[in-house]
Structure formats: structure tokens, C-alpha cells
Amino acid sequence: MTTAPGTYAPRPGAAPLPRMIGAQAALETRMLLRNGEQLLLTVVIPTLLLVLFSSVDVVDTGSGKAVDFLTPGILALAVMSTAFTGQAIATGFERRYGVLKRLASSPLPRWGLMTAKTAAVLVTEVLQVILLTVIAFALGWSPHGNPAAVLLLLVLGTAAFSGLGLLMAGTLKAEATLAAANLVFLLLLVGGGVIVPLEKFGAAGHVLGLLPISALSDGLRDVLQHGAGMPWGDLAILAVWAVVGLAAAGKFFRWE
């Protein structure tokens, strides 16, 4: 079919950049949600932890309802499980199987691919937050505070964990990434203030408070449980981790 002599329709060539990024983001999101292991990590485990520790008095969470203490920490855990652990493992194996190398040679630029992956992470996190919020309300959660502070904490937390996850996926072998990402997830679950208050760790709690999971969970807890304003200290810690992680990932990430 021609529209004029020598002119063909449709015209060949790459699609507009926003359309390519949107299509890749939709594909990344579908792959993420169809992966059973990823769903276990990002949805099932945080949900079970929230329900279990809110219903059974096995951890001293201080005064007040346990769900008020636990929900901010579980929200932080959900961000870490998606932006760090899940993304590191998935990207690591894509790199091993040559998927990233092939995508890097497509019309979609490398930064566009990373933007699409970030968008998929954000979509998954929105679904996680909605699900966990509904469950927390059913358990009697009573949140307080400024929604803008919560949003800023979640965005900076996502940036920090995404940078660290991409750094791990782009520098280690896939099997090493799988083991290291899961190990870090378990260690930060126990020692990151998600379920057990940092005060229980004594003097080590001050050092643990500098971890991104601790800053995110404590910041969310200050706002949602105690009704605090902007938790600038926790935001600063997350911002430093985000800058360092993303800069290191951009410098040292290997596509092959």
C-alpha cells in the first residue's frame, strides 16, 4: 500500500522512545507478576509476617498495638523485596542468559531499559502497598502522619534499594547474586528494625540504624505510628544510599 509514489505506509523505523519504554515496562511487570518465586518474596512473605506477628504476641513491640509498629516495617520490607532482592535476582539471570546484551543492541537505549525496570518495580510496589494496607486495616491498624512524607520515604527507599540491587546484579555472577540477595534479605529482615525494634540490639542498634532498611522502616514508623513530620535524618540516610548505589551501579554494571 502506498500513499504517494515511492512512499510506503506504515513507515519503517523505531517506535517513539516513550512508547518503547512503556512497552518494556509493561513486559517487565507481567514477567514479575507471573514469577512464582518473585510473588512469594514480594507478596506472600510480607503478608504472612504482618498477619502472624500482629496476631501472635511473640515479639515485644513496645506499648500500643503490635500492628501499628509492624505495618511500617513490613511496608519497608516490601520495598526492599521488590526493588533490591527481586530486581537483583531477575536482572542477574537476564545478564547471564544474554537477555540484557540483546536488549542493549535494540533501539531501546540502555537508560531506557533501566527506566522500564524501575517503572515495573514501582507498579509492583503500588500493588504491594495497597494489599498490605488493606490487610493492616483489617487487623486494626491506625495510621497517622503526613502522606507526602510517606511517599518521599518510599521513593527514596526504592531508589536506594534499586541502586544496590542493580550493582549486585551487574557485578556478580547470577548464582552469587541469588545467594547474596537472599542472604541480605534475611539478615536485614532480622536486624533492620522491621520486626524487632533496634533498641533490642543495644549499642549495635546505632550502627544498624544507618542501614537503608532501618532508615526506611524507622522513618515510616515515626510518621505512621507517631504522627511525626518529615523524618529528615532518615531521609538523608536514604538519599546517601540512593546516590551511592545508583552511581556505583552506573559505573560498574557489566552488561555481559
Protein backbone atom coordinates (compact mmCIF):
# COMPACT_ATOMS: atom_id res chain seq x y z
CA MET A 1 0.00 0.00 0.00
CA THR A 2 1.35 3.42 -0.97
CA THR A 3 0.25 6.93 -0.08
CA ALA A 4 2.40 8.62 -2.73
CA PRO A 5 4.88 7.45 -5.34
CA GLY A 6 7.87 5.99 -3.51
CA THR A 7 6.31 6.45 -0.03
CA TYR A 8 5.20 3.41 1.92
CA ALA A 9 2.85 3.08 4.89
CA PRO A 10 3.39 2.15 7.62
CA ARG A 11 6.78 3.85 7.67
CA PRO A 12 9.65 1.62 8.88
CA GLY A 13 11.72 2.66 11.89
CA ALA A 14 11.84 2.54 15.65
CA ALA A 15 8.80 3.46 17.70
CA PRO A 16 8.86 6.69 19.75
CA LEU A 17 11.02 6.38 22.85
CA PRO A 18 8.15 6.79 25.39
CA ARG A 19 6.23 4.01 23.65
CA MET A 20 9.25 1.70 23.74
CA ILE A 21 9.83 2.37 27.43
CA GLY A 22 6.13 1.85 28.19
CA ALA A 23 6.02 -1.44 26.29
CA GLN A 24 9.17 -2.72 28.02
CA ALA A 25 7.83 -1.63 31.42
CA ALA A 26 4.57 -3.49 30.80
CA LEU A 27 6.53 -6.60 29.79
CA GLU A 28 8.78 -6.36 32.87
CA THR A 29 5.73 -6.00 35.12
CA ARG A 30 3.96 -9.02 33.61
CA MET A 31 7.10 -11.14 33.95
CA LEU A 32 7.48 -10.04 37.56
CA LEU A 33 3.89 -10.85 38.49
CA ARG A 34 3.93 -14.23 36.70
CA ASN A 35 7.04 -15.44 38.53
CA GLY A 36 6.01 -17.65 41.44
CA GLU A 37 9.26 -17.19 43.34
CA GLN A 38 9.02 -13.43 42.97
CA LEU A 39 5.44 -13.42 44.23
CA LEU A 40 6.50 -15.48 47.23
CA LEU A 41 9.21 -12.96 48.02
CA THR A 42 7.30 -9.78 47.31
CA VAL A 43 3.75 -10.62 48.38
CA VAL A 44 3.38 -13.83 50.36
CA ILE A 45 6.24 -13.42 52.86
CA PRO A 46 5.46 -9.78 53.85
CA THR A 47 1.76 -10.63 54.17
CA LEU A 48 2.38 -13.69 56.33
CA LEU A 49 4.80 -11.78 58.56
CA LEU A 50 2.28 -8.98 59.05
CA VAL A 51 -0.58 -11.32 59.89
CA LEU A 52 1.49 -13.66 62.07
CA PHE A 53 3.29 -11.13 64.25
CA SER A 54 0.22 -8.90 64.54
CA SER A 55 -1.91 -11.81 65.74
CA VAL A 56 0.57 -13.72 67.92
CA ASP A 57 2.42 -11.99 70.77
CA VAL A 58 5.92 -13.38 70.19
CA VAL A 59 7.86 -10.12 69.71
CA ASP A 60 7.94 -7.23 72.16
CA THR A 61 6.98 -4.25 70.01
CA GLY A 62 6.56 -1.85 72.90
CA SER A 63 3.41 -0.08 74.01
CA GLY A 64 0.42 0.14 71.72
CA LYS A 65 -0.93 -2.31 69.19
CA ALA A 66 1.55 -4.60 67.51
CA VAL A 67 0.09 -3.89 64.07
CA ASP A 68 0.86 -0.17 64.47
CA PHE A 69 4.55 -0.99 64.98
CA LEU A 70 4.76 -3.79 62.42
CA THR A 71 2.98 -2.27 59.42
CA PRO A 72 5.57 0.43 58.63
CA GLY A 73 8.36 -2.14 58.90
CA ILE A 74 6.54 -4.59 56.65
CA LEU A 75 5.97 -1.82 54.08
CA ALA A 76 9.72 -1.17 54.16
CA LEU A 77 10.35 -4.91 53.75
CA ALA A 78 8.04 -4.99 50.73
CA VAL A 79 10.02 -2.19 49.08
CA MET A 80 13.29 -3.99 49.75
CA SER A 81 11.98 -7.34 48.49
CA THR A 82 10.94 -5.82 45.16
CA ALA A 83 13.48 -3.07 44.49
CA PHE A 84 16.51 -4.95 45.83
CA THR A 85 16.13 -8.70 46.17
CA GLY A 86 13.70 -9.41 43.33
CA GLN A 87 15.29 -6.98 40.90
CA ALA A 88 18.82 -8.16 41.66
CA ILE A 89 17.98 -11.83 41.08
CA ALA A 90 15.93 -11.23 37.91
CA THR A 91 18.47 -8.86 36.38
CA GLY A 92 21.37 -11.11 37.32
CA PHE A 93 19.92 -14.08 35.43
CA GLU A 94 18.91 -11.88 32.48
CA ARG A 95 22.54 -10.81 32.30
CA ARG A 96 23.76 -14.41 32.49
CA TYR A 97 21.45 -15.65 29.71
CA GLY A 98 22.38 -12.76 27.42
CA VAL A 99 18.99 -11.07 27.56
CA LEU A 100 20.46 -7.74 28.61
CA LYS A 101 23.10 -7.92 25.88
CA ARG A 102 20.41 -8.44 23.23
CA LEU A 103 18.18 -5.72 24.63
CA ALA A 104 21.13 -3.34 24.74
CA SER A 105 21.53 -3.76 20.96
CA SER A 106 17.88 -2.90 20.31
CA PRO A 107 16.61 0.64 19.53
CA LEU A 108 15.72 0.97 23.23
CA PRO A 109 18.71 2.71 24.88
CA ARG A 110 20.25 1.22 27.98
CA TRP A 111 18.98 4.00 30.21
CA GLY A 112 15.51 3.41 28.74
CA LEU A 113 15.72 -0.26 29.73
CA MET A 114 16.67 0.68 33.29
CA THR A 115 13.82 3.21 33.34
CA ALA A 116 11.41 0.47 32.27
CA LYS A 117 12.70 -1.83 35.01
CA THR A 118 12.26 0.95 37.56
CA ALA A 119 8.71 1.56 36.36
CA ALA A 120 7.92 -2.15 36.77
CA VAL A 121 9.29 -2.04 40.31
CA LEU A 122 7.12 0.99 41.12
CA VAL A 123 3.97 -0.67 39.75
CA THR A 124 4.65 -3.78 41.82
CA GLU A 125 5.27 -1.68 44.92
CA VAL A 126 1.97 0.15 44.48
CA LEU A 127 0.17 -3.21 44.39
CA GLN A 128 2.11 -4.36 47.46
CA VAL A 129 1.29 -1.22 49.43
CA ILE A 130 -2.40 -1.46 48.57
CA LEU A 131 -2.58 -5.12 49.60
CA LEU A 132 -0.64 -4.66 52.85
CA THR A 133 -2.61 -1.53 53.74
CA VAL A 134 -5.91 -3.34 53.33
CA ILE A 135 -4.70 -6.24 55.47
CA ALA A 136 -3.30 -3.88 58.11
CA PHE A 137 -6.62 -2.00 58.35
CA ALA A 138 -8.41 -5.34 58.76
CA LEU A 139 -6.04 -6.10 61.67
CA GLY A 140 -6.87 -2.79 63.36
CA TRP A 141 -4.12 -0.52 62.08
CA SER A 142 -4.48 3.19 62.96
CA PRO A 143 -2.04 5.22 60.82
CA HIS A 144 -1.18 8.90 61.37
CA GLY A 145 1.10 11.47 59.82
CA ASN A 146 1.72 13.21 56.52
CA PRO A 147 1.13 11.16 53.32
CA ALA A 148 3.72 13.29 51.50
CA ALA A 149 6.40 12.20 53.97
CA VAL A 150 5.40 8.56 53.47
CA LEU A 151 5.59 8.95 49.69
CA LEU A 152 9.01 10.60 49.84
CA LEU A 153 10.35 7.85 52.10
CA LEU A 154 9.06 5.15 49.74
CA VAL A 155 10.53 6.85 46.66
CA LEU A 156 13.96 7.35 48.23
CA GLY A 157 13.87 3.83 49.65
CA THR A 158 13.09 2.45 46.20
CA ALA A 159 15.95 4.43 44.66
CA ALA A 160 18.39 3.24 47.33
CA PHE A 161 17.46 -0.43 47.05
CA SER A 162 17.27 -0.32 43.25
CA GLY A 163 20.80 1.04 43.02
CA LEU A 164 22.14 -1.63 45.36
CA GLY A 165 20.22 -4.39 43.57
CA LEU A 166 21.47 -3.34 40.13
CA LEU A 167 25.01 -3.00 41.47
CA MET A 168 24.89 -6.58 42.75
CA ALA A 169 23.28 -7.93 39.58
CA GLY A 170 25.76 -6.15 37.33
CA THR A 171 28.94 -7.20 39.09
CA LEU A 172 28.37 -10.72 40.47
CA LYS A 173 27.57 -13.98 38.74
CA ALA A 174 23.89 -14.94 38.67
CA GLU A 175 24.26 -17.75 41.21
CA ALA A 176 26.23 -15.50 43.55
CA THR A 177 23.59 -12.79 43.17
CA LEU A 178 20.84 -15.28 44.01
CA ALA A 179 22.61 -16.40 47.18
CA ALA A 180 23.78 -12.94 48.27
CA ALA A 181 20.43 -11.22 47.64
CA ASN A 182 18.50 -13.80 49.66
CA LEU A 183 21.08 -13.73 52.46
CA VAL A 184 20.95 -9.94 52.67
CA PHE A 185 17.15 -10.10 52.68
CA LEU A 186 17.15 -12.46 55.67
CA LEU A 187 19.81 -10.51 57.58
CA LEU A 188 18.04 -7.19 57.10
CA LEU A 189 14.70 -8.75 57.99
CA VAL A 190 16.14 -9.75 61.37
CA GLY A 191 18.47 -6.83 62.06
CA GLY A 192 16.87 -3.94 60.18
CA GLY A 193 14.18 -2.92 62.62
CA VAL A 194 11.41 -4.48 60.55
CA ILE A 195 10.01 -6.76 63.25
CA VAL A 196 12.41 -6.40 66.18
CA PRO A 197 12.97 -2.82 67.46
CA LEU A 198 16.55 -1.63 67.03
CA GLU A 199 16.68 -0.84 70.76
CA LYS A 200 16.80 -4.59 71.40
CA PHE A 201 20.24 -4.76 69.78
CA GLY A 202 21.87 -2.45 72.34
CA ALA A 203 24.83 -0.40 71.14
CA ALA A 204 24.77 -2.16 67.75
CA GLY A 205 21.38 -0.60 67.14
CA HIS A 206 23.04 2.77 66.39
CA VAL A 207 25.11 1.19 63.62
CA LEU A 208 22.17 -0.82 62.28
CA GLY A 209 20.17 2.41 62.13
CA LEU A 210 22.40 3.57 59.27
CA LEU A 211 21.21 0.74 57.01
CA PRO A 212 18.67 1.69 54.32
CA ILE A 213 16.06 -0.78 55.60
CA SER A 214 16.39 0.66 59.11
CA ALA A 215 16.11 4.24 57.89
CA LEU A 216 13.06 3.38 55.80
CA SER A 217 11.26 1.37 58.48
CA ASP A 218 12.08 3.88 61.24
CA GLY A 219 11.06 6.82 59.08
CA LEU A 220 7.76 5.20 58.15
CA ARG A 221 7.19 4.25 61.79
CA ASP A 222 7.86 7.81 63.00
CA VAL A 223 5.32 9.17 60.55
CA LEU A 224 2.62 6.48 60.52
CA GLN A 225 2.76 5.39 64.17
CA HIS A 226 3.83 8.56 65.96
CA GLY A 227 2.49 11.21 63.59
CA ALA A 228 5.87 12.92 63.14
CA GLY A 229 6.61 15.43 60.39
CA MET A 230 9.33 14.96 57.81
CA PRO A 231 11.91 12.50 59.21
CA TRP A 232 14.86 14.39 57.78
CA GLY A 233 17.51 12.19 59.36
CA ASP A 234 16.11 9.00 57.83
CA LEU A 235 15.53 10.77 54.51
CA ALA A 236 19.16 11.89 54.48
CA ILE A 237 20.39 8.32 55.09
CA LEU A 238 18.21 7.00 52.26
CA ALA A 239 19.35 9.79 49.94
CA VAL A 240 23.03 8.95 50.56
CA TRP A 241 22.40 5.26 49.90
CA ALA A 242 20.45 6.13 46.74
CA VAL A 243 23.18 8.38 45.33
CA VAL A 244 25.99 5.97 46.18
CA GLY A 245 24.12 2.88 44.98
CA LEU A 246 22.88 4.33 41.69
CA ALA A 247 26.26 5.95 40.93
CA ALA A 248 28.12 2.71 41.64
CA ALA A 249 25.64 0.70 39.57
CA GLY A 250 26.03 3.10 36.66
CA LYS A 251 29.83 2.89 36.84
CA PHE A 252 30.40 -0.80 37.47
CA PHE A 253 27.37 -2.51 35.84
CA ARG A 254 28.51 -5.05 33.23
CA TRP A 255 26.00 -5.94 30.52
CA GLU A 256 27.71 -9.21 29.58
